[in-house]
Amino acid sequence: MNDEFELPFPQYRCPTCGKDLPLGEARMTVTCAAHLKFEAADFDVRKATDADEDAIELLCERALGETEVDVFGATFDVIAGVNLIAEANDELVGLLSMVIVGGEVAIVMLSVYPDYQGKGVASALLEAADKFARERNLNFLRAAITNDDIVQLYFFQRHGFAIYEVGVGEVADRFGSASAGFSGIPVRDELRLRRAVCS
């Protein structure tokens, strides 16, 4: 993991040249399945402990600038949530933070460092969240993303989630105006997705 990043921190990596990309510089590419590059990585997923707090704070700082996430009409502190982490070589490489709201598991944050994107980390974290819900007899997982987050919209829909609600203008209202997000797309709305827990 490259610790020499300067602001804004990169959220993605270019699969062609390897350049680390902040949100505003990232672009989408459409390709056929035969040209997708999937390189499996060696990592483990587990529930976070108190000893992981500094690494979780660092990931939150790089992804969001803070540990508080405003989704589903409320503010959640990632540190206080139930956190699942992916680890490789004794370093945190991915995080899924969740809370139980209204009898459902709400994913408030899912983030994977660029070095480990496209290697099954996010899918493994989602599978662990599904197991967490199943063990507690909770029937649904839900997630909230901003309208610009095409990458997570793709990811969640590929994993069986469907949009059930749109908070039109909620993100822009929360921050006083729309700001530039992924690929310069104005961030205005919150998309809420849900899927049944896999049995």
Protein backbone atom coordinates (compact mmCIF):
# COMPACT_ATOMS: atom_id res chain seq x y z
CA MET A 1 0.00 0.00 0.00
CA ASN A 2 1.38 3.36 -1.02
CA ASP A 3 1.39 5.68 2.02
CA GLU A 4 2.71 8.64 0.00
CA PHE A 5 -0.65 9.73 -1.42
CA GLU A 6 -1.46 13.41 -1.44
CA LEU A 7 -4.95 14.89 -1.29
CA PRO A 8 -7.32 14.11 -2.79
CA PHE A 9 -6.71 10.47 -1.92
CA PRO A 10 -7.14 8.00 -4.76
CA GLN A 11 -10.29 5.90 -4.73
CA TYR A 12 -9.53 3.84 -7.84
CA ARG A 13 -6.64 2.60 -9.98
CA CYS A 14 -6.46 2.74 -13.77
CA PRO A 15 -6.38 -0.86 -15.06
CA THR A 16 -4.44 0.23 -18.16
CA CYS A 17 -1.57 2.32 -16.77
CA GLY A 18 -1.81 1.65 -13.02
CA LYS A 19 -2.23 5.33 -12.06
CA ASP A 20 -4.05 5.94 -8.76
CA LEU A 21 -7.13 8.10 -9.34
CA PRO A 22 -9.09 10.47 -7.12
CA LEU A 23 -12.85 10.56 -7.80
CA GLY A 24 -12.80 13.53 -10.17
CA GLU A 25 -10.19 11.95 -12.46
CA ALA A 26 -11.80 8.49 -12.68
CA ARG A 27 -13.65 7.50 -15.86
CA MET A 28 -15.75 4.49 -16.86
CA THR A 29 -14.83 2.01 -19.57
CA VAL A 30 -17.18 -0.53 -21.09
CA THR A 31 -15.58 -3.81 -22.13
CA CYS A 32 -16.53 -7.37 -22.90
CA ALA A 33 -16.26 -10.05 -20.22
CA ALA A 34 -13.30 -11.64 -22.01
CA HIS A 35 -11.21 -8.52 -21.37
CA LEU A 36 -11.99 -8.08 -17.69
CA LYS A 37 -8.87 -8.45 -15.63
CA PHE A 38 -9.48 -10.46 -12.48
CA GLU A 39 -6.50 -11.28 -10.35
CA ALA A 40 -7.37 -13.17 -7.21
CA ALA A 41 -5.74 -11.86 -4.07
CA ASP A 42 -4.89 -13.61 -0.84
CA PHE A 43 -6.91 -11.97 1.94
CA ASP A 44 -9.06 -12.86 4.93
CA VAL A 45 -12.35 -11.34 6.07
CA ARG A 46 -13.22 -11.03 9.75
CA LYS A 47 -15.12 -8.91 12.22
CA ALA A 48 -13.07 -5.91 13.33
CA THR A 49 -11.79 -5.60 16.88
CA ASP A 50 -10.77 -2.57 18.94
CA ALA A 51 -7.19 -3.12 17.72
CA ASP A 52 -8.35 -2.30 14.16
CA GLU A 53 -9.70 1.15 15.03
CA ASP A 54 -6.69 3.15 13.76
CA ALA A 55 -6.65 1.31 10.42
CA ILE A 56 -10.41 1.83 10.04
CA GLU A 57 -10.05 5.54 10.83
CA LEU A 58 -7.31 5.84 8.20
CA LEU A 59 -9.43 4.15 5.53
CA CYS A 60 -12.40 6.39 6.41
CA GLU A 61 -10.19 9.47 6.27
CA ARG A 62 -8.93 8.53 2.82
CA ALA A 63 -12.36 7.56 1.48
CA LEU A 64 -14.59 10.17 3.16
CA GLY A 65 -12.46 12.60 5.12
CA GLU A 66 -14.14 11.50 8.38
CA THR A 67 -15.63 8.50 10.17
CA GLU A 68 -19.21 9.80 10.14
CA VAL A 69 -21.48 8.80 7.25
CA ASP A 70 -24.81 10.48 6.48
CA VAL A 71 -27.13 7.91 4.89
CA PHE A 72 -30.74 6.77 5.25
CA GLY A 73 -31.63 10.14 6.78
CA ALA A 74 -29.30 9.68 9.76
CA THR A 75 -25.64 10.05 10.73
CA PHE A 76 -23.67 6.91 11.59
CA ASP A 77 -20.20 6.74 13.12
CA VAL A 78 -18.30 3.95 11.37
CA ILE A 79 -16.22 3.27 14.48
CA ALA A 80 -19.39 2.60 16.50
CA GLY A 81 -20.89 0.30 13.83
CA VAL A 82 -20.38 -3.38 13.18
CA ASN A 83 -17.30 -3.51 10.98
CA LEU A 84 -16.11 -6.31 8.76
CA ILE A 85 -12.59 -5.96 7.43
CA ALA A 86 -10.53 -7.62 4.74
CA GLU A 87 -6.88 -8.09 5.61
CA ALA A 88 -3.88 -8.96 3.48
CA ASN A 89 -0.35 -9.22 4.84
CA ASP A 90 -1.64 -8.01 8.24
CA GLU A 91 -2.96 -4.77 6.71
CA LEU A 92 -6.53 -3.63 6.30
CA VAL A 93 -7.40 -3.55 2.59
CA GLY A 94 -11.20 -3.25 2.71
CA LEU A 95 -14.04 -2.34 5.05
CA LEU A 96 -17.78 -2.91 5.20
CA SER A 97 -19.47 -1.00 8.02
CA MET A 98 -23.07 -1.78 8.93
CA VAL A 99 -25.79 -1.14 11.49
CA ILE A 100 -29.14 -2.75 12.18
CA VAL A 101 -31.95 -0.35 11.33
CA GLY A 102 -35.64 -1.24 11.26
CA GLY A 103 -34.92 -4.97 11.38
CA GLU A 104 -32.55 -4.82 8.38
CA VAL A 105 -28.79 -4.68 7.99
CA ALA A 106 -27.91 -1.26 6.58
CA ILE A 107 -24.51 -1.00 4.90
CA VAL A 108 -23.29 2.50 5.66
CA MET A 109 -19.86 2.17 4.05
CA LEU A 110 -18.10 -0.21 1.69
CA SER A 111 -14.59 0.72 0.64
CA VAL A 112 -11.62 -1.20 -0.76
CA TYR A 113 -8.17 0.29 -1.28
CA PRO A 114 -7.25 0.65 -4.98
CA ASP A 115 -4.54 -2.05 -4.75
CA TYR A 116 -7.23 -4.63 -3.95
CA GLN A 117 -10.13 -3.55 -6.15
CA GLY A 118 -11.30 -6.09 -8.71
CA LYS A 119 -9.92 -8.97 -6.66
CA GLY A 120 -13.06 -10.18 -4.91
CA VAL A 121 -12.59 -8.21 -1.67
CA ALA A 122 -15.88 -6.28 -1.81
CA SER A 123 -17.79 -9.44 -2.76
CA ALA A 124 -16.27 -11.33 0.18
CA LEU A 125 -17.16 -8.50 2.56
CA LEU A 126 -20.73 -8.49 1.24
CA GLU A 127 -20.93 -12.27 1.69
CA ALA A 128 -19.80 -11.85 5.31
CA ALA A 129 -22.49 -9.17 5.85
CA ASP A 130 -25.06 -11.58 4.41
CA LYS A 131 -23.90 -14.25 6.89
CA PHE A 132 -24.10 -11.73 9.75
CA ALA A 133 -27.73 -10.94 8.82
CA ARG A 134 -28.67 -14.60 8.34
CA GLU A 135 -27.29 -15.55 11.78
CA ARG A 136 -29.55 -12.88 13.34
CA ASN A 137 -32.65 -13.82 11.32
CA LEU A 138 -32.61 -10.46 9.53
CA ASN A 139 -34.16 -10.77 6.09
CA PHE A 140 -32.76 -7.82 4.14
CA LEU A 141 -29.53 -5.99 3.39
CA ARG A 142 -29.71 -2.40 2.22
CA ALA A 143 -27.16 0.08 1.00
CA ALA A 144 -27.12 3.78 0.16
CA ILE A 145 -24.92 5.39 -2.45
CA THR A 146 -24.72 8.79 -4.08
CA ASN A 147 -26.01 9.30 -7.61
CA ASP A 148 -22.49 9.69 -9.02
CA ASP A 149 -21.19 6.40 -7.63
CA ILE A 150 -21.60 4.40 -10.82
CA VAL A 151 -19.03 1.84 -9.63
CA GLN A 152 -20.96 0.90 -6.48
CA LEU A 153 -24.29 1.05 -8.31
CA TYR A 154 -22.89 -1.53 -10.73
CA PHE A 155 -21.46 -3.62 -7.88
CA PHE A 156 -24.63 -3.72 -5.78
CA GLN A 157 -26.91 -4.45 -8.72
CA ARG A 158 -24.61 -7.25 -9.89
CA HIS A 159 -25.03 -8.70 -6.38
CA GLY A 160 -28.83 -8.71 -6.53
CA PHE A 161 -29.67 -5.32 -5.02
CA ALA A 162 -32.46 -3.20 -6.53
CA ILE A 163 -33.19 0.50 -6.07
CA TYR A 164 -36.20 0.93 -3.80
CA GLU A 165 -36.00 4.65 -3.04
CA VAL A 166 -34.26 7.83 -4.17
CA GLY A 167 -33.62 10.71 -1.82
CA VAL A 168 -33.79 13.39 -4.51
CA GLY A 169 -31.54 16.33 -3.64
CA GLU A 170 -30.80 15.02 -0.13
CA VAL A 171 -27.01 14.97 -0.51
CA ALA A 172 -26.83 18.44 -2.06
CA ASP A 173 -29.18 19.77 0.64
CA ARG A 174 -27.06 18.21 3.38
CA PHE A 175 -23.92 19.98 2.14
CA GLY A 176 -25.54 23.17 0.90
CA SER A 177 -24.90 22.49 -2.79
CA ALA A 178 -23.99 19.76 -5.24
CA SER A 179 -20.28 18.95 -5.36
CA ALA A 180 -18.29 17.17 -8.04
CA GLY A 181 -18.03 13.43 -7.48
CA PHE A 182 -17.00 10.47 -9.63
CA SER A 183 -15.84 11.69 -13.05
CA GLY A 184 -17.05 15.21 -12.15
CA ILE A 185 -20.71 14.14 -11.91
CA PRO A 186 -22.61 16.51 -9.56
CA VAL A 187 -23.47 14.71 -6.31
CA ARG A 188 -27.11 15.49 -5.48
CA ASP A 189 -29.14 12.39 -4.66
CA GLU A 190 -29.00 9.32 -2.45
CA LEU A 191 -29.94 6.02 -4.09
CA ARG A 192 -31.16 3.34 -1.68
CA LEU A 193 -30.88 -0.30 -2.65
CA ARG A 194 -32.08 -3.49 -1.00
CA ARG A 195 -31.90 -7.23 -1.47
CA ALA A 196 -33.12 -10.27 0.43
CA VAL A 197 -30.52 -12.09 2.52
CA CYS A 198 -29.23 -15.16 0.70
CA SER A 199 -30.15 -18.45 2.32
